[in-house]
């Protein structure tokens, strides 16, 4: 079931992947990793409510499941809800993996959503120094725009587009700078 689920996931057949991972969960109901994968799949199909439920179940099964801690915190940040809880969740993930650029980005993004721009910028810069990622560069562009550093915003959005060219929202952000 796991290999088939991974195959479906890699092909973008998310609904079939969900079915395979649910089969694993029926056989191993406390499998935190499978719960995390299901949460991620539900994000892929645009169902954050189900994703949140699976991330919460994963953390309940394994309170140190760092990917679930980070993902739940990031979803909360994206939705602009439970931001204090999001900070705590992502900090727990960072205690386990302190140099994880994705987790630093997530915490920076929560701080951005909370209006804590200096803290957000510091974390997003750290994340950008660890990994090249279009999402991190997009977030850096957003923070630089917010603090009125227009040329730096442009620079990071262009870097994001260079890594992932088909981002309509980034093109729109760049167009709005003109």
Protein backbone atom coordinates (compact mmCIF):
# COMPACT_ATOMS: atom_id res chain seq x y z
CA UNK A 1 0.00 0.00 0.00
CA UNK A 2 2.84 2.36 0.85
CA UNK A 3 4.69 1.93 -2.42
CA UNK A 4 1.49 2.23 -4.43
CA UNK A 5 0.50 5.32 -2.44
CA UNK A 6 3.90 6.90 -3.14
CA UNK A 7 3.61 6.04 -6.81
CA UNK A 8 0.17 7.65 -7.06
CA UNK A 9 1.45 10.69 -5.14
CA UNK A 10 4.43 11.11 -7.49
CA UNK A 11 2.06 10.92 -10.48
CA UNK A 12 -0.27 13.53 -9.00
CA UNK A 13 -3.06 10.98 -8.48
CA UNK A 14 -3.80 12.32 -5.02
CA UNK A 15 -7.18 10.68 -4.48
CA UNK A 16 -5.77 7.23 -5.28
CA UNK A 17 -2.81 7.92 -2.98
CA UNK A 18 -5.22 8.86 -0.19
CA UNK A 19 -7.00 5.53 -0.57
CA UNK A 20 -3.72 3.61 -0.33
CA UNK A 21 -2.56 5.46 2.77
CA UNK A 22 -5.97 5.02 4.39
CA UNK A 23 -5.53 1.26 3.86
CA UNK A 24 -2.26 1.44 5.80
CA UNK A 25 -3.97 3.41 8.55
CA UNK A 26 -6.70 0.77 8.80
CA UNK A 27 -3.96 -1.80 9.48
CA UNK A 28 -1.77 0.46 11.62
CA UNK A 29 -4.04 3.11 13.17
CA UNK A 30 -1.27 4.83 15.18
CA UNK A 31 1.10 5.39 12.25
CA UNK A 32 2.02 9.07 12.64
CA UNK A 33 3.95 9.18 9.36
CA UNK A 34 0.97 7.93 7.36
CA UNK A 35 -1.27 10.46 9.11
CA UNK A 36 1.21 13.16 8.11
CA UNK A 37 1.21 11.95 4.50
CA UNK A 38 -2.59 11.99 4.46
CA UNK A 39 -2.58 15.53 5.83
CA UNK A 40 -0.17 16.57 3.08
CA UNK A 41 -2.35 14.92 0.44
CA UNK A 42 -5.43 16.72 1.70
CA UNK A 43 -3.55 20.00 1.34
CA UNK A 44 -2.73 19.02 -2.25
CA UNK A 45 -6.41 18.58 -3.07
CA UNK A 46 -7.37 21.82 -1.32
CA UNK A 47 -8.98 20.46 1.84
CA UNK A 48 -7.15 22.17 4.74
CA UNK A 49 -9.79 21.10 7.27
CA UNK A 50 -9.03 17.41 6.67
CA UNK A 51 -5.30 18.18 6.53
CA UNK A 52 -5.47 19.84 9.94
CA UNK A 53 -7.32 16.85 11.38
CA UNK A 54 -4.66 14.41 10.13
CA UNK A 55 -1.76 16.59 11.32
CA UNK A 56 -3.41 16.81 14.75
CA UNK A 57 -3.89 13.03 14.85
CA UNK A 58 -0.26 12.52 13.83
CA UNK A 59 0.94 14.76 16.66
CA UNK A 60 -1.33 12.95 19.08
CA UNK A 61 0.17 9.61 18.00
CA UNK A 62 3.73 11.00 18.07
CA UNK A 63 4.18 14.37 19.84
CA UNK A 64 7.66 14.68 18.29
CA UNK A 65 6.62 14.16 14.68
CA UNK A 66 8.42 17.24 13.43
CA UNK A 67 6.90 17.33 9.94
CA UNK A 68 3.39 17.30 11.38
CA UNK A 69 4.26 19.96 13.95
CA UNK A 70 5.62 22.22 11.23
CA UNK A 71 2.85 21.50 8.74
CA UNK A 72 0.06 22.17 11.21
CA UNK A 73 1.72 25.42 12.26
CA UNK A 74 2.18 26.45 8.63
CA UNK A 75 -1.45 25.72 7.74
CA UNK A 76 -2.54 27.85 10.68
CA UNK A 77 -0.27 30.64 9.42
CA UNK A 78 -1.68 30.39 5.92
CA UNK A 79 -5.19 30.62 7.31
CA UNK A 80 -4.24 33.38 9.73
CA UNK A 81 -5.71 31.42 12.65
CA UNK A 82 -4.33 29.99 15.90
CA UNK A 83 -1.12 31.96 15.34
CA UNK A 84 0.12 31.61 18.93
CA UNK A 85 -0.38 27.85 18.73
CA UNK A 86 1.37 27.86 15.33
CA UNK A 87 4.43 29.49 16.92
CA UNK A 88 4.54 26.83 19.62
CA UNK A 89 4.11 23.96 17.16
CA UNK A 90 6.86 25.16 14.84
CA UNK A 91 9.21 25.91 17.74
CA UNK A 92 8.75 22.30 18.84
CA UNK A 93 9.71 21.15 15.33
CA UNK A 94 12.75 23.44 15.43
CA UNK A 95 13.84 21.96 18.77
CA UNK A 96 14.07 18.62 16.99
CA UNK A 97 15.62 19.97 13.79
CA UNK A 98 17.08 23.43 14.49
CA UNK A 99 18.69 24.04 11.09
CA UNK A 100 15.71 23.06 8.97
CA UNK A 101 15.18 25.87 6.47
CA UNK A 102 11.54 24.95 5.85
CA UNK A 103 10.77 25.13 9.57
CA UNK A 104 12.56 28.48 9.90
CA UNK A 105 10.50 29.72 6.96
CA UNK A 106 7.30 28.53 8.61
CA UNK A 107 8.09 30.31 11.87
CA UNK A 108 9.07 33.43 9.97
CA UNK A 109 5.80 33.28 8.07
CA UNK A 110 3.81 33.03 11.31
CA UNK A 111 5.66 36.06 12.66
CA UNK A 112 4.89 37.89 9.42
CA UNK A 113 1.20 37.08 9.86
CA UNK A 114 1.42 38.37 13.45
CA UNK A 115 2.93 41.65 12.24
CA UNK A 116 6.30 40.89 13.83
CA UNK A 117 8.29 41.94 10.78
CA UNK A 118 11.81 42.20 12.26
CA UNK A 119 11.57 38.69 13.71
CA UNK A 120 10.04 37.39 10.48
CA UNK A 121 12.77 38.90 8.33
CA UNK A 122 15.55 37.43 10.47
CA UNK A 123 14.10 33.92 10.27
CA UNK A 124 13.29 34.13 6.57
CA UNK A 125 16.85 35.29 5.82
CA UNK A 126 18.21 32.34 7.81
CA UNK A 127 15.92 29.99 5.87
CA UNK A 128 17.02 31.52 2.55
CA UNK A 129 20.67 31.00 3.52
CA UNK A 130 20.02 27.31 4.17
CA UNK A 131 18.00 26.35 1.10
CA UNK A 132 17.02 27.78 -2.26
CA UNK A 133 13.25 27.59 -2.30
CA UNK A 134 10.67 29.57 -4.28
CA UNK A 135 8.32 29.76 -1.29
CA UNK A 136 11.01 31.19 0.96
CA UNK A 137 11.91 33.76 -1.70
CA UNK A 138 8.22 34.63 -2.12
CA UNK A 139 7.92 35.15 1.63
CA UNK A 140 11.07 37.31 1.63
CA UNK A 141 9.55 39.39 -1.17
CA UNK A 142 6.38 39.85 0.86
CA UNK A 143 8.25 40.95 3.97
CA UNK A 144 10.44 43.37 2.03
CA UNK A 145 7.38 44.88 0.41
CA UNK A 146 5.75 45.24 3.83
CA UNK A 147 8.77 47.13 5.18
CA UNK A 148 8.91 49.26 2.01
CA UNK A 149 12.10 47.76 0.55
CA UNK A 150 10.67 47.58 -2.96
CA UNK A 151 13.85 46.62 -4.84
CA UNK A 152 14.59 43.78 -2.42
CA UNK A 153 10.99 42.58 -2.78
CA UNK A 154 11.44 42.56 -6.56
CA UNK A 155 14.76 40.73 -6.25
CA UNK A 156 13.32 37.90 -4.16
CA UNK A 157 10.16 37.51 -6.21
CA UNK A 158 12.32 37.28 -9.34
CA UNK A 159 14.45 34.62 -7.62
CA UNK A 160 11.27 32.74 -6.76
CA UNK A 161 10.13 32.89 -10.39
CA UNK A 162 13.53 31.73 -11.59
CA UNK A 163 13.22 28.57 -9.47
CA UNK A 164 9.54 28.01 -10.28
CA UNK A 165 8.50 29.93 -13.41
CA UNK A 166 4.75 29.25 -13.50
CA UNK A 167 3.71 31.21 -10.42
CA UNK A 168 0.93 33.55 -11.52
CA UNK A 169 0.67 35.14 -8.06
CA UNK A 170 4.35 36.17 -8.21
CA UNK A 171 3.94 37.63 -11.70
CA UNK A 172 0.99 39.62 -10.36
CA UNK A 173 3.03 40.87 -7.40
CA UNK A 174 5.81 42.00 -9.75
CA UNK A 175 3.31 43.68 -12.09
CA UNK A 176 1.83 45.55 -9.13
CA UNK A 177 5.24 47.06 -8.37
CA UNK A 178 5.19 48.95 -11.68
